[in-house]
Protein backbone atom coordinates (compact mmCIF):
# COMPACT_ATOMS: atom_id res chain seq x y z
CA MET A 1 45.73 -24.21 2.82
CA ASN A 2 44.40 -24.27 -0.82
CA SER A 3 43.22 -26.69 -2.83
CA ASN A 4 46.36 -26.94 -4.97
CA LEU A 5 48.17 -27.24 -1.91
CA SER A 6 46.11 -30.16 -0.43
CA LYS A 7 46.11 -31.93 -3.67
CA GLU A 8 50.13 -31.44 -3.55
CA TYR A 9 50.10 -32.98 0.03
CA ALA A 10 47.45 -35.71 -0.84
CA GLN A 11 49.90 -36.87 -3.70
CA ILE A 12 52.75 -37.39 -1.22
CA LEU A 13 50.62 -38.98 1.08
CA LYS A 14 49.83 -41.41 -1.37
CA LEU A 15 53.23 -41.81 -2.21
CA TYR A 16 54.09 -42.82 1.18
CA LEU A 17 51.18 -45.24 1.64
CA ALA A 18 52.45 -47.01 -1.42
CA LYS A 19 56.18 -47.17 -0.34
CA PHE A 20 55.08 -48.88 3.12
CA GLY A 21 51.98 -50.56 2.33
CA LEU A 22 49.59 -48.86 4.59
CA GLU A 23 46.02 -47.65 3.97
CA PRO A 24 44.12 -44.71 4.38
CA GLY A 25 42.10 -46.96 7.53
CA ASP A 26 45.86 -46.76 8.91
CA ILE A 27 46.73 -43.59 8.71
CA ALA A 28 43.29 -43.04 10.25
CA PHE A 29 43.78 -45.20 13.09
CA PHE A 30 46.83 -43.06 14.17
CA LEU A 31 44.62 -40.06 13.68
CA LYS A 32 42.10 -41.66 15.64
CA SER A 33 39.57 -40.53 13.08
CA ARG A 34 37.51 -41.88 10.07
CA LYS A 35 38.78 -43.49 7.26
CA GLY A 36 36.42 -41.25 5.36
CA VAL A 37 38.25 -38.08 6.64
CA VAL A 38 41.57 -39.78 4.90
CA GLU A 39 39.77 -40.67 1.70
CA GLY A 40 38.50 -37.28 1.20
CA LEU A 41 41.82 -35.73 1.78
CA LEU A 42 43.13 -38.39 -1.05
CA ASN A 43 40.57 -37.79 -3.31
CA SER A 44 41.14 -33.60 -2.78
CA LYS A 45 37.36 -33.50 -1.29
CA ASN A 46 38.53 -32.35 2.21
CA GLU A 47 41.32 -29.42 2.85
CA ILE A 48 43.48 -30.16 5.52
CA VAL A 49 44.86 -27.74 8.64
CA LEU A 50 48.01 -27.65 9.88
CA THR A 51 47.51 -29.80 12.79
CA THR A 52 46.25 -32.89 10.55
CA LEU A 53 49.25 -32.47 8.55
CA GLU A 54 51.71 -32.32 11.19
CA ALA A 55 49.91 -35.22 12.84
CA ILE A 56 50.21 -37.25 9.36
CA SER A 57 53.94 -36.54 8.94
CA GLN A 58 54.49 -37.55 12.85
CA ILE A 59 53.70 -40.76 11.62
CA PHE A 60 56.07 -41.41 9.63
CA GLY A 61 58.74 -39.29 11.71
CA LEU A 62 58.78 -36.27 9.74
CA ARG A 63 57.66 -32.52 10.27
CA TYR A 64 54.74 -31.03 8.18
CA TYR A 65 57.24 -29.23 6.29
CA GLN A 66 59.68 -31.97 5.39
CA PHE A 67 56.61 -34.43 4.44
CA GLY A 68 55.20 -31.38 2.49
CA ASP A 69 58.28 -31.19 0.46
CA PRO A 70 58.23 -33.61 -2.74
CA LYS A 71 62.39 -33.08 -2.79
CA PHE A 72 62.59 -34.25 0.87
CA PRO A 73 63.73 -38.13 0.92
CA MET A 74 60.96 -40.90 2.33
CA PRO A 75 62.63 -42.12 5.39
CA HIS A 76 63.83 -45.64 5.53
CA LEU A 77 61.71 -48.14 7.10
CA ASN A 78 63.80 -48.58 10.38
CA ASP A 79 63.83 -44.62 10.76
CA LEU A 80 60.00 -44.62 11.40
CA PRO A 81 58.45 -44.86 14.85
CA GLU A 82 58.07 -47.72 16.58
CA GLU A 83 54.04 -47.67 16.25
CA THR A 84 54.71 -47.04 12.57
CA LYS A 85 56.46 -50.42 12.04
CA ALA A 86 54.27 -51.84 14.27
CA ARG A 87 51.11 -51.07 12.04
CA ILE A 88 53.07 -51.68 8.98
CA LYS A 89 53.80 -55.19 10.02
CA TYR A 90 50.03 -55.74 11.24
CA ARG A 91 49.20 -54.42 7.55
CA LYS A 92 51.31 -56.85 6.28
CA GLU A 93 50.28 -59.87 7.98
CA LYS A 94 46.39 -58.63 7.42
CA GLY A 95 46.91 -58.10 4.21
CA PRO A 96 44.29 -55.54 2.92
CA SER A 97 41.42 -54.37 4.34
CA ILE A 98 37.95 -55.31 2.89
CA THR A 99 35.31 -52.90 2.82
CA ILE A 100 32.06 -54.42 4.12
CA THR A 101 28.62 -52.68 2.92
CA TYR A 102 25.71 -54.07 4.76
CA ASN A 103 22.13 -54.29 3.36
CA SER A 104 20.15 -51.59 5.35
CA ARG A 105 17.34 -54.28 5.53
CA ASP A 106 19.74 -57.02 7.05
CA LEU A 107 21.26 -54.57 9.57
CA LYS A 108 17.61 -53.39 10.30
CA GLU A 109 16.83 -56.92 11.23
CA LYS A 110 19.67 -57.73 13.14
CA ILE A 111 19.41 -54.74 15.48
CA HIS A 112 15.39 -55.83 15.92
CA PHE A 113 16.82 -58.77 17.14
CA ILE A 114 19.10 -56.94 19.40
CA LEU A 115 16.42 -54.78 21.06
CA SER A 116 13.42 -57.40 21.43
CA GLU A 117 15.87 -58.62 24.36
CA TYR A 118 15.44 -55.19 25.76
CA ASN A 119 12.49 -54.04 28.44
CA ILE A 120 10.49 -50.82 28.31
CA HIS A 121 12.58 -47.99 30.33
CA ASP A 122 16.28 -50.24 29.53
CA GLU A 123 18.73 -47.41 28.44
CA PHE A 124 21.68 -48.01 26.09
CA LEU A 125 24.18 -46.67 23.52
CA PRO A 126 24.15 -47.27 19.61
CA SER A 127 27.92 -48.78 20.51
CA GLU A 128 26.43 -50.95 23.10
CA ILE A 129 23.80 -52.15 20.26
CA GLY A 130 26.24 -52.40 17.62
CA LYS A 131 28.80 -54.67 20.00
CA LYS A 132 25.86 -56.97 20.41
CA VAL A 133 25.18 -57.35 16.61
CA ASN A 134 28.65 -57.89 16.04
CA LYS A 135 28.92 -60.64 18.23
CA LYS A 136 25.74 -62.22 17.50
CA PHE A 137 25.73 -62.24 14.02
CA GLN A 138 29.69 -62.25 13.52
CA LEU A 139 29.96 -58.91 12.05
CA GLU A 140 32.64 -56.42 12.06
CA LEU A 141 31.24 -53.21 11.79
CA PRO A 142 34.02 -50.69 11.93
CA ASN A 143 31.89 -48.11 13.50
CA PHE A 144 28.15 -47.77 15.04
CA LYS A 145 27.08 -44.61 12.95
CA GLN A 146 25.28 -47.11 10.92
CA ILE A 147 23.37 -48.15 14.35
CA THR A 148 22.23 -44.79 15.13
CA ASP A 149 21.13 -44.15 11.32
CA ARG A 150 18.88 -47.24 11.59
CA PHE A 151 17.70 -45.87 15.13
CA LYS A 152 16.42 -42.76 13.24
CA LYS A 153 15.13 -44.08 10.22
CA ASP A 154 13.46 -47.78 11.26
CA PHE A 155 12.89 -47.72 15.32
CA GLN A 156 11.18 -44.20 16.14
CA GLU A 157 8.04 -45.69 17.42
CA PHE A 158 10.43 -48.07 19.86
CA ILE A 159 13.14 -45.54 21.02
CA GLU A 160 14.29 -42.30 22.04
CA LYS A 161 17.09 -40.09 23.24
CA THR A 162 17.37 -39.72 26.63
CA GLY A 163 19.30 -36.69 27.19
CA GLU A 164 22.38 -38.19 28.19
CA SER A 165 25.58 -38.57 26.63
CA LYS A 166 28.77 -40.21 27.64
CA LYS A 167 32.22 -39.28 25.93
CA ILE A 168 33.66 -42.47 24.34
CA LYS A 169 37.25 -43.13 25.71
CA GLY A 170 40.06 -42.87 22.50
CA LYS A 171 37.32 -41.46 20.53
CA LYS A 172 37.43 -38.12 18.82
CA GLY A 173 34.40 -36.06 18.16
CA ARG A 174 30.69 -35.95 19.87
CA ARG A 175 29.85 -37.46 22.81
CA GLU A 176 27.72 -40.77 22.06
CA GLU A 177 23.93 -39.88 23.17
CA TYR A 178 21.85 -42.71 25.46
CA TYR A 179 18.79 -44.12 24.12
CA ARG A 180 15.69 -45.70 25.98
CA LEU A 181 13.05 -47.96 24.81
CA ILE A 182 9.73 -46.59 24.97
CA LYS A 183 7.88 -49.57 23.57
CA LYS A 184 8.72 -53.51 23.59
CA VAL A 185 10.18 -54.69 20.35
CA PRO A 186 8.14 -57.79 19.35
CA LYS A 187 10.50 -60.97 19.20
CA VAL A 188 11.87 -62.30 15.90
CA LYS A 189 13.91 -65.29 14.99
CA LYS A 190 17.48 -65.26 14.02
């Protein structure tokens, strides 16, 4: 798909998002993808492939050629698939999503606290640490890529990859890699 077509498609998608009160994160939810992928499409930074085009179109009960035709009428709310209507209701109730950015030093300290509860040779996934950080510190990390980034940048002397990985149910993409504690992380206060 050339960039002009991607731009045209992005403009149509923006109209649909505005009409139905949805956000890039809502589209990513249906695609089981990341919000950044959809934002890249909307900002014409990412090209789109036909399978993604069809998947986005089906969110609104259309085929890719219908959705891509600017003259094709938008469906009425009542004509949308039930899952889409439920997401629109959810978005209306919850309101606009709030993007939260975390200070990397602050996140590093929170991960340090959680890792200090582990013993040498304990194995864990970044998502397990992320869930514990979320619960302990009442955060809402949307994904755990930041945890993996902190592992690589700040905890190399304490942890290593085990070489084992796990496919996360319902998540597209690569398998999540296990890590092992190789040196005790000193205790810290919350």
